[in-house]
Amino acid sequence: MTIDDLARPDTPEAPPERTANTTGTWSALRPLVLRLHFYAGVLIAPFLLVAAASGLLYALSFQAEKVVYAHELEVPVGDKVLPLSEQVHAATKVNPNGTVTAVWPSAEDGATTRVLMADPDVEEGKSLAVFVDPYTAEVRGQLPSYGSSGALPLRAWIDELHRDLHLGDLGRNYSELAASWLWVIALGGLLLWLGRRRKNRRALFVPERGPKSRRRTLSWHGTVGLWAVAGLVLLSATGLTWSRYAGENIGAVQDQLGGATPAVSATLDGGAGGSSEHEGHDMGGHTAAPQGADVGIDKVVEAARAKGIEGKLSVVLPSEGKGYVVKETDTQFPVHLDSVAVNPADGTVMDELRFTDYPVLAQLTRFGIDIHMGVTFGLVNQLALAALALALILLIVWGYRMWWLRRPGRPVARGTWRKVPPTMMLPLLAATALVGWFVPMLGLSLVAFLVVDLALGLVARVKARSRAA
């Protein structure tokens, strides 16, 4: 069965589902919503299915990472933690060609310290993470690391699969298309489900039992969609913030509203610095710090802790004209994301930035992104993401099953937009144009749907005239 089969004028139309209101605004809009939900569900669902399946794997990858890389991540608890400078020196000894860019000190008993290096043998955009036992300075291993969450090879591979199918910028179009339509399909389905007439409210929230049929499949599709709709819309919105085209528009609007994410100022007075290579001092090996006096990483961390920077830390080493940046990286709620800049010459704190000082919009963006990544509430967050991904997979499967069981009928007749009153149609068109411009992949694909629909209608009319002749 093809979409062309659904477009034939001589194909009997399936009886419309009964709705709570047979007149008024909803009765005029319902056929249009139903047709859009149908087309988007059939044509965009494959992209959503890939995104959901890879998202499910990503949600589970956090726990898998702890098992696969247990040797690098965990060590027996010792009696005393060695100075951080000794741990960094041990890392540079095993990889003298690497340039230390940041250090993640051990945040809890039995966890390794992670020394991040720029390495010519590591893929661009990633760092080489050297894992050091904080009690003995033994190097436990080296692995490529990606992103602010420090994704190791397994999770990084799944993350790239989810983001761009390992196809680079071309592949990012798939994920942006899926994120652009997910909220439209979810909210459209919600309207259709709420608009159905039913004997009792229980049928709204609980799926029907009984023999297998299209009615029972629709019941499962509707009730699971109702429970999942808020999460799916959140995933869509936060996913768009990372997209190529809509993401740029979102960032521009956020900046104009004063919601840009601030950063601590680490610029030294007069842009002090020299060559881009550090003399060594307490660090050992190559680092990203400028030549000149350096109190060492241990005193820098001590100065940061005196300002209340505690817990999981990332120490970014100074580059030319810049000082150290020590920032909290605990994104679990309540988050700890304060940061300070420290002068390497004397260990004084040059600037402070508290998460509470972020604009509200920047805080909300941070929360949304971290929830999408599965890090805000830890395991609970990851299980919730897995449940949402599984729900989306089931919704797609049930949607295709209903389409198959309904053949050879069609969900609603062509030309439904003509039945919408002009007083409703004009604002609707204006809103659609605005959203389509702001979310380009949505706008372009919607135009493509209209072209396909018009072409199918033309073909159907030509065939009808031929049969009549």
Protein backbone atom coordinates (compact mmCIF):
# COMPACT_ATOMS: atom_id res chain seq x y z
CA MET A 1 0.00 0.00 0.00
CA THR A 2 1.30 3.50 -0.87
CA ILE A 3 0.27 7.05 -0.14
CA ASP A 4 -1.06 7.15 -3.69
CA ASP A 5 -3.54 4.42 -2.74
CA LEU A 6 -4.83 6.66 0.02
CA ALA A 7 -5.25 9.54 -2.39
CA ARG A 8 -7.53 7.83 -4.95
CA PRO A 9 -10.87 9.63 -5.23
CA ASP A 10 -12.81 6.43 -5.77
CA THR A 11 -11.47 4.85 -2.60
CA PRO A 12 -14.16 4.74 0.07
CA GLU A 13 -13.32 7.01 2.96
CA ALA A 14 -13.22 5.47 6.41
CA PRO A 15 -15.94 6.80 8.70
CA PRO A 16 -14.68 9.67 10.83
CA GLU A 17 -14.06 9.05 14.49
CA ARG A 18 -16.66 10.58 16.76
CA THR A 19 -15.51 13.67 18.57
CA ALA A 20 -16.70 15.49 21.61
CA ASN A 21 -17.82 18.49 19.51
CA THR A 22 -19.24 18.06 16.02
CA THR A 23 -19.41 21.81 15.41
CA GLY A 24 -17.27 24.80 16.15
CA THR A 25 -13.52 25.35 16.10
CA TRP A 26 -12.42 21.79 16.70
CA SER A 27 -14.75 20.28 14.10
CA ALA A 28 -13.22 22.62 11.52
CA LEU A 29 -9.62 21.99 12.55
CA ARG A 30 -9.81 18.27 13.29
CA PRO A 31 -9.65 17.01 9.68
CA LEU A 32 -6.62 19.22 9.02
CA VAL A 33 -4.88 18.04 12.20
CA LEU A 34 -5.69 14.43 11.36
CA ARG A 35 -4.29 14.69 7.83
CA LEU A 36 -1.11 16.43 9.06
CA HIS A 37 -0.68 13.85 11.82
CA PHE A 38 -1.12 11.08 9.26
CA TYR A 39 1.35 12.43 6.69
CA ALA A 40 3.95 13.36 9.29
CA GLY A 41 3.52 10.03 11.04
CA VAL A 42 4.02 8.03 7.84
CA LEU A 43 6.87 10.03 6.33
CA ILE A 44 8.79 11.27 9.39
CA ALA A 45 8.32 8.16 11.55
CA PRO A 46 11.37 6.35 10.07
CA PHE A 47 13.62 9.21 11.19
CA LEU A 48 11.96 9.25 14.60
CA LEU A 49 12.39 5.49 14.87
CA VAL A 50 16.14 5.75 14.29
CA ALA A 51 16.40 8.63 16.77
CA ALA A 52 14.38 6.71 19.38
CA ALA A 53 16.36 3.48 18.98
CA SER A 54 19.73 5.24 19.18
CA GLY A 55 18.44 7.39 22.05
CA LEU A 56 17.46 4.23 23.93
CA LEU A 57 20.99 2.88 23.50
CA TYR A 58 22.46 6.20 24.65
CA ALA A 59 20.33 6.25 27.81
CA LEU A 60 21.65 2.79 28.70
CA SER A 61 25.26 3.60 27.76
CA PHE A 62 25.99 5.45 31.02
CA GLN A 63 25.72 2.29 33.07
CA ALA A 64 27.37 0.18 30.37
CA GLU A 65 30.32 2.60 30.39
CA LYS A 66 30.88 1.97 34.10
CA VAL A 67 31.12 -1.77 33.44
CA VAL A 68 33.19 -1.71 30.24
CA TYR A 69 35.72 0.81 31.57
CA ALA A 70 35.73 -0.21 35.22
CA HIS A 71 39.52 -0.70 35.21
CA GLU A 72 40.12 2.88 34.07
CA LEU A 73 37.43 4.47 36.24
CA GLU A 74 37.80 2.65 39.56
CA VAL A 75 40.69 1.87 41.90
CA PRO A 76 41.01 0.41 45.40
CA VAL A 77 40.65 3.08 48.07
CA GLY A 78 44.03 4.05 49.53
CA ASP A 79 45.11 5.75 52.70
CA LYS A 80 46.15 9.12 51.28
CA VAL A 81 45.50 11.07 48.08
CA LEU A 82 48.71 12.26 46.42
CA PRO A 83 49.16 15.89 45.35
CA LEU A 84 47.44 16.58 42.05
CA SER A 85 50.73 17.73 40.50
CA GLU A 86 52.24 14.26 41.05
CA GLN A 87 49.25 12.64 39.36
CA VAL A 88 49.56 14.96 36.36
CA HIS A 89 53.31 14.30 36.18
CA ALA A 90 52.62 10.56 36.04
CA ALA A 91 50.21 11.09 33.15
CA THR A 92 52.70 13.17 31.15
CA LYS A 93 55.42 10.57 31.65
CA VAL A 94 53.39 7.91 29.83
CA ASN A 95 52.44 10.33 27.07
CA PRO A 96 55.20 12.94 26.73
CA ASN A 97 53.94 14.09 23.31
CA GLY A 98 50.53 15.12 24.67
CA THR A 99 49.65 18.63 25.85
CA VAL A 100 47.71 18.78 29.11
CA THR A 101 44.62 20.96 28.69
CA ALA A 102 42.52 20.09 31.75
CA VAL A 103 42.47 17.91 34.84
CA TRP A 104 39.46 16.28 36.50
CA PRO A 105 40.53 15.42 40.07
CA SER A 106 39.12 12.31 41.68
CA ALA A 107 35.71 13.34 43.00
CA GLU A 108 35.00 10.42 45.32
CA ASP A 109 36.72 7.55 47.08
CA GLY A 110 37.85 4.88 44.63
CA ALA A 111 37.59 7.07 41.51
CA THR A 112 40.53 7.85 39.25
CA THR A 113 41.80 11.29 38.31
CA ARG A 114 41.34 12.13 34.63
CA VAL A 115 44.10 14.11 32.90
CA LEU A 116 42.91 15.43 29.54
CA MET A 117 45.44 15.99 26.77
CA ALA A 118 45.49 17.34 23.25
CA ASP A 119 47.10 14.57 21.24
CA PRO A 120 47.83 14.44 17.51
CA ASP A 121 46.75 10.80 17.39
CA VAL A 122 43.29 11.54 18.79
CA GLU A 123 40.38 12.50 16.53
CA GLU A 124 39.68 16.22 16.23
CA GLY A 125 37.14 17.44 18.76
CA LYS A 126 38.16 14.83 21.32
CA SER A 127 40.78 14.67 24.06
CA LEU A 128 43.01 11.87 25.26
CA ALA A 129 42.03 11.00 28.83
CA VAL A 130 44.76 9.50 30.97
CA PHE A 131 43.36 7.79 34.07
CA VAL A 132 45.56 8.02 37.15
CA ASP A 133 45.21 6.29 40.52
CA PRO A 134 45.06 9.22 43.00
CA TYR A 135 46.58 7.11 45.78
CA THR A 136 49.58 5.62 43.93
CA ALA A 137 49.91 7.76 40.73
CA GLU A 138 49.67 4.55 38.70
CA VAL A 139 48.33 5.16 35.19
CA ARG A 140 45.32 2.86 34.70
CA GLY A 141 44.85 3.48 31.00
CA GLN A 142 44.30 5.99 28.20
CA LEU A 143 41.08 6.50 26.24
CA PRO A 144 39.63 9.15 23.92
CA SER A 145 37.14 11.38 25.74
CA TYR A 146 34.38 13.52 24.25
CA GLY A 147 32.28 16.43 25.51
CA SER A 148 31.72 18.06 28.85
CA SER A 149 30.37 14.80 30.30
CA GLY A 150 33.58 12.96 29.38
CA ALA A 151 31.98 10.32 27.18
CA LEU A 152 34.35 7.42 26.59
CA PRO A 153 34.52 5.48 23.27
CA LEU A 154 31.37 3.37 23.77
CA ARG A 155 29.10 6.23 24.78
CA ALA A 156 30.74 8.64 22.33
CA TRP A 157 30.08 6.21 19.45
CA ILE A 158 26.41 5.86 20.41
CA ASP A 159 26.14 9.61 20.89
CA GLU A 160 27.44 10.24 17.36
CA LEU A 161 25.06 7.60 16.02
CA HIS A 162 22.15 9.38 17.67
CA ARG A 163 23.31 12.82 16.56
CA ASP A 164 24.39 12.30 12.94
CA LEU A 165 24.56 8.56 12.10
CA HIS A 166 28.35 8.99 11.85
CA LEU A 167 27.81 10.99 8.66
CA GLY A 168 28.99 14.37 9.92
CA ASP A 169 27.09 17.53 9.07
CA LEU A 170 24.99 15.73 6.45
CA GLY A 171 23.77 13.26 9.06
CA ARG A 172 22.76 16.03 11.45
CA ASN A 173 19.89 16.84 9.08
CA TYR A 174 18.20 13.58 10.06
CA SER A 175 18.20 14.34 13.78
CA GLU A 176 17.08 17.94 13.23
CA LEU A 177 14.23 16.74 11.01
CA ALA A 178 13.15 14.28 13.69
CA ALA A 179 13.36 16.88 16.49
CA SER A 180 11.54 19.46 14.35
CA TRP A 181 8.52 17.22 13.83
CA LEU A 182 8.39 15.34 17.12
CA TRP A 183 6.55 18.10 19.00
CA VAL A 184 4.13 18.64 16.10
CA ILE A 185 3.23 14.97 15.88
CA ALA A 186 3.00 14.62 19.67
CA LEU A 187 0.76 17.64 20.20
CA GLY A 188 -1.37 16.82 17.16
CA GLY A 189 -1.90 13.31 18.46
CA LEU A 190 -2.79 14.71 21.88
CA LEU A 191 -5.49 16.93 20.35
CA LEU A 192 -6.93 14.04 18.36
CA TRP A 193 -6.96 11.76 21.39
CA LEU A 194 -8.56 14.32 23.72
CA GLY A 195 -11.15 15.18 21.07
CA ARG A 196 -12.56 11.65 20.84
CA ARG A 197 -15.91 10.89 22.44
CA ARG A 198 -15.68 8.11 25.02
CA LYS A 199 -18.01 6.54 27.56
CA ASN A 200 -15.82 7.22 30.57
CA ARG A 201 -12.64 9.08 31.47
CA ARG A 202 -10.82 5.88 32.29
CA ALA A 203 -10.54 5.11 28.59
CA LEU A 204 -8.57 8.33 28.21
CA PHE A 205 -5.75 7.15 30.46
CA VAL A 206 -5.97 3.33 30.41
CA PRO A 207 -5.74 1.26 27.20
CA GLU A 208 -8.60 -1.05 26.29
CA ARG A 209 -8.43 -4.81 26.59
CA GLY A 210 -10.03 -7.38 24.39
CA PRO A 211 -9.35 -9.07 21.04
CA LYS A 212 -6.72 -7.66 18.74
CA SER A 213 -8.20 -4.99 16.53
CA ARG A 214 -7.53 -1.54 15.15
CA ARG A 215 -9.61 -0.10 17.98
CA ARG A 216 -7.43 -1.71 20.64
CA THR A 217 -4.24 -0.62 18.83
CA LEU A 218 -5.58 2.94 18.70
CA SER A 219 -6.34 2.76 22.42
CA TRP A 220 -2.75 1.78 23.23
CA HIS A 221 -1.40 4.36 20.80
CA GLY A 222 -3.50 7.12 22.36
CA THR A 223 -3.03 6.33 26.04
CA VAL A 224 0.72 5.75 25.86
CA GLY A 225 1.05 8.92 23.78
CA LEU A 226 -0.92 10.84 26.40
CA TRP A 227 1.40 9.73 29.19
CA ALA A 228 4.53 10.40 27.11
CA VAL A 229 3.58 13.66 25.37
CA ALA A 230 5.18 16.06 27.88
CA GLY A 231 8.49 14.19 27.79
CA LEU A 232 8.48 13.95 24.00
CA VAL A 233 7.87 17.69 23.62
CA LEU A 234 10.73 18.37 26.07
CA LEU A 235 13.06 16.10 24.10
CA SER A 236 12.07 17.86 20.89
CA ALA A 237 12.67 21.34 22.30
CA THR A 238 16.01 20.52 23.91
CA GLY A 239 17.14 18.55 20.86
CA LEU A 240 16.54 21.57 18.65
CA THR A 241 18.96 23.65 20.73
CA TRP A 242 21.80 21.48 19.35
CA SER A 243 20.58 21.48 15.76
CA ARG A 244 22.37 23.22 12.90
CA TYR A 245 19.71 25.60 11.65
CA ALA A 246 17.02 25.93 14.32
CA GLY A 247 19.77 25.90 16.94
CA GLU A 248 21.29 29.06 15.46
CA ASN A 249 17.92 30.81 15.58
CA ILE A 250 17.32 29.68 19.16
CA GLY A 251 20.76 30.94 20.18
CA ALA A 252 20.18 34.30 18.51
CA VAL A 253 16.84 34.77 20.27
CA GLN A 254 18.35 33.72 23.59
CA ASP A 255 21.15 36.27 23.18
CA GLN A 256 18.68 39.04 22.30
CA LEU A 257 16.66 38.25 25.41
CA GLY A 258 19.75 38.46 27.56
CA GLY A 259 19.80 34.73 28.25
CA ALA A 260 23.25 33.88 26.92
CA THR A 261 25.29 31.61 29.15
CA PRO A 262 28.00 33.69 30.89
CA ALA A 263 31.59 32.61 31.36
CA VAL A 264 34.14 33.48 34.01
CA SER A 265 36.80 35.94 32.82
CA ALA A 266 40.27 34.40 32.93
CA THR A 267 42.12 37.12 30.96
CA LEU A 268 45.31 38.25 32.66
CA ASP A 269 46.01 41.97 33.10
CA GLY A 270 47.58 43.29 29.93
CA GLY A 271 47.17 39.92 28.25
CA ALA A 272 50.25 38.68 30.10
CA GLY A 273 51.86 35.60 28.84
CA GLY A 274 54.68 34.52 26.63
CA SER A 275 55.14 31.45 24.56
CA SER A 276 52.36 28.92 24.49
CA GLU A 277 54.49 26.31 26.19
CA HIS A 278 54.80 26.02 29.96
CA GLU A 279 58.22 25.76 31.60
CA GLY A 280 57.11 22.70 33.55
CA HIS A 281 57.31 23.82 37.19
CA ASP A 282 55.12 21.55 39.30
CA MET A 283 53.23 20.08 36.35
CA GLY A 284 55.81 18.13 34.44
CA GLY A 285 55.76 17.51 30.69
CA HIS A 286 53.91 19.71 28.20
CA THR A 287 50.95 21.83 29.26
CA ALA A 288 48.85 24.56 27.69
CA ALA A 289 50.05 27.26 30.11
CA PRO A 290 52.09 30.32 29.12
CA GLN A 291 55.71 30.69 30.08
CA GLY A 292 56.26 32.46 33.39
CA ALA A 293 55.71 32.05 37.11
CA ASP A 294 53.20 29.40 38.11
CA VAL A 295 52.19 28.54 41.66
CA GLY A 296 51.18 25.06 40.50
CA ILE A 297 47.89 23.22 40.16
CA ASP A 298 47.71 22.21 43.82
CA LYS A 299 47.71 25.80 45.09
CA VAL A 300 45.28 26.78 42.34
CA VAL A 301 42.78 24.15 43.47
CA GLU A 302 43.34 25.19 47.08
CA ALA A 303 42.52 28.80 46.17
CA ALA A 304 39.38 27.69 44.35
CA ARG A 305 38.20 25.57 47.27
CA ALA A 306 38.68 28.57 49.56
CA LYS A 307 36.04 30.29 47.39
CA GLY A 308 33.59 27.41 47.81
CA ILE A 309 34.38 25.55 44.58
CA GLU A 310 33.93 21.96 45.75
CA GLY A 311 32.87 18.49 44.61
CA LYS A 312 33.42 17.39 41.01
CA LEU A 313 35.89 19.78 39.46
CA SER A 314 37.47 20.54 36.11
CA VAL A 315 40.73 22.47 36.17
CA VAL A 316 41.37 24.10 32.81
CA LEU A 317 45.04 24.95 32.42
CA PRO A 318 46.06 28.45 31.34
CA SER A 319 46.87 29.33 27.75
CA GLU A 320 48.58 32.45 26.43
CA GLY A 321 47.17 35.52 28.17
CA LYS A 322 44.80 33.43 30.28
CA GLY A 323 44.77 32.11 33.81
CA TYR A 324 43.50 28.87 35.30
CA VAL A 325 39.76 28.20 35.31
CA VAL A 326 38.45 25.92 38.05
CA LYS A 327 34.80 25.00 37.65
CA GLU A 328 32.34 22.67 39.28
CA THR A 329 30.91 20.03 36.94
CA ASP A 330 28.29 18.33 39.10
CA THR A 331 25.17 18.57 36.90
CA GLN A 332 23.03 16.37 39.12
CA PHE A 333 20.25 18.22 40.87
CA PRO A 334 20.84 20.45 42.75
CA VAL A 335 23.54 21.45 40.29
CA HIS A 336 26.94 22.79 41.30
CA LEU A 337 28.32 24.77 38.37
CA ASP A 338 30.16 27.67 40.02
CA SER A 339 33.57 28.66 38.64
CA VAL A 340 36.57 30.88 39.37
CA ALA A 341 39.56 32.14 37.42
CA VAL A 342 42.94 31.99 39.17
CA ASN A 343 46.10 33.92 38.36
CA PRO A 344 48.91 31.38 37.80
CA ALA A 345 51.57 33.86 38.99
CA ASP A 346 50.36 34.26 42.57
CA GLY A 347 47.28 32.05 42.99
CA THR A 348 44.85 34.92 43.52
CA VAL A 349 41.27 34.56 42.34
CA MET A 350 40.68 37.03 39.48
CA ASP A 351 36.98 36.42 38.84
CA GLU A 352 34.07 34.42 40.22
CA LEU A 353 30.88 33.21 38.58
CA ARG A 354 28.04 31.52 40.46
CA PHE A 355 25.33 29.49 38.79
CA THR A 356 22.76 31.56 40.66
CA ASP A 357 24.08 34.59 38.73
CA TYR A 358 23.15 33.01 35.38
CA PRO A 359 20.16 34.57 33.61
CA VAL A 360 17.02 32.52 34.18
CA LEU A 361 16.87 31.56 30.49
CA ALA A 362 20.46 30.31 30.61
CA GLN A 363 19.66 28.25 33.71
CA LEU A 364 16.61 26.71 32.04
CA THR A 365 18.67 25.92 28.94
CA ARG A 366 21.28 24.25 31.10
CA PHE A 367 18.67 22.15 32.90
CA GLY A 368 16.98 21.17 29.63
CA ILE A 369 20.20 20.09 27.94
CA ASP A 370 21.38 18.10 30.95
CA ILE A 371 18.02 16.35 31.26
CA HIS A 372 18.18 15.47 27.55
CA MET A 373 21.69 14.09 28.14
CA GLY A 374 20.52 12.01 31.09
CA VAL A 375 22.80 13.56 33.71
CA THR A 376 20.58 15.81 35.85
CA PHE A 377 18.99 13.08 37.97
CA GLY A 378 21.52 10.34 37.32
CA LEU A 379 20.14 6.82 36.94
CA VAL A 380 16.54 8.01 37.37
CA ASN A 381 17.03 10.45 34.48
CA GLN A 382 18.54 7.75 32.30
CA LEU A 383 15.73 5.28 33.01
CA ALA A 384 13.16 7.98 32.23
CA LEU A 385 14.87 8.68 28.89
CA ALA A 386 14.93 4.96 28.11
CA ALA A 387 11.22 4.70 28.90
CA LEU A 388 10.44 7.67 26.64
CA ALA A 389 12.50 6.21 23.80
CA LEU A 390 10.75 2.84 24.17
CA ALA A 391 7.36 4.56 24.26
CA LEU A 392 8.16 6.43 21.04
CA ILE A 393 9.22 3.20 19.35
CA LEU A 394 5.93 1.54 20.35
CA LEU A 395 3.90 4.57 19.24
CA ILE A 396 5.50 4.38 15.80
CA VAL A 397 4.91 0.65 15.50
CA TRP A 398 1.26 1.01 16.56
CA GLY A 399 0.84 3.93 14.16
CA TYR A 400 2.04 1.88 11.21
CA ARG A 401 -0.12 -1.05 12.32
CA MET A 402 -3.22 1.17 12.33
CA TRP A 403 -2.31 2.43 8.88
CA TRP A 404 -2.02 -1.15 7.65
CA LEU A 405 -5.27 -2.29 9.26
CA ARG A 406 -7.15 0.65 7.78
CA ARG A 407 -6.30 -0.08 4.16
CA PRO A 408 -7.65 0.66 1.61
CA GLY A 409 -9.36 3.59 3.30
CA ARG A 410 -7.84 6.98 3.95
CA PRO A 411 -7.95 8.91 7.24
CA VAL A 412 -9.53 12.05 5.85
CA ALA A 413 -10.44 13.49 2.47
CA ARG A 414 -8.20 15.81 0.50
CA GLY A 415 -8.93 19.55 0.59
CA THR A 416 -9.72 19.71 4.30
CA TRP A 417 -8.03 23.12 4.56
CA ARG A 418 -10.83 24.61 2.45
CA LYS A 419 -13.31 23.86 5.22
CA VAL A 420 -11.41 25.96 7.77
CA PRO A 421 -12.99 29.44 8.13
CA PRO A 422 -10.79 32.30 6.85
CA THR A 423 -10.80 33.90 10.31
CA MET A 424 -9.03 30.78 11.58
CA MET A 425 -7.05 29.94 8.46
CA LEU A 426 -5.20 33.24 8.13
CA PRO A 427 -3.75 33.27 11.70
CA LEU A 428 -2.95 29.58 11.30
CA LEU A 429 -1.05 30.21 8.07
CA ALA A 430 0.82 33.12 9.66
CA ALA A 431 1.81 31.03 12.69
CA THR A 432 2.85 28.13 10.43
CA ALA A 433 5.01 30.43 8.30
CA LEU A 434 6.68 31.90 11.39
CA VAL A 435 7.40 28.49 12.92
CA GLY A 436 8.56 27.16 9.54
CA TRP A 437 11.03 30.04 9.21
CA PHE A 438 12.31 29.62 12.77
CA VAL A 439 12.57 25.81 12.41
CA PRO A 440 13.71 25.49 8.77
CA MET A 441 13.68 21.69 8.54
CA LEU A 442 10.04 21.72 9.64
CA GLY A 443 9.11 24.43 7.14
CA LEU A 444 10.89 22.86 4.18
CA SER A 445 9.51 19.38 4.83
CA LEU A 446 6.00 20.80 5.30
CA VAL A 447 6.25 22.46 1.88
CA ALA A 448 7.43 19.12 0.49
CA PHE A 449 4.37 17.41 2.01
CA LEU A 450 2.09 19.94 0.34
CA VAL A 451 3.81 19.45 -3.04
CA VAL A 452 3.50 15.66 -2.73
CA ASP A 453 -0.15 15.95 -1.72
CA LEU A 454 -0.95 18.25 -4.65
CA ALA A 455 0.93 15.97 -7.06
CA LEU A 456 -0.95 12.90 -5.81
CA GLY A 457 -4.23 14.75 -6.19
CA LEU A 458 -3.35 15.71 -9.75
CA VAL A 459 -2.40 12.13 -10.62
CA ALA A 460 -5.61 10.86 -9.04
CA ARG A 461 -7.72 13.29 -11.10
CA VAL A 462 -5.94 12.31 -14.33
CA LYS A 463 -6.54 8.63 -13.60
CA ALA A 464 -10.17 9.31 -12.78
CA ARG A 465 -10.69 11.12 -16.11
CA SER A 466 -8.97 8.30 -17.96
CA ARG A 467 -11.27 5.72 -16.37
CA ALA A 468 -14.32 7.89 -17.11
CA ALA A 469 -13.24 8.23 -20.75
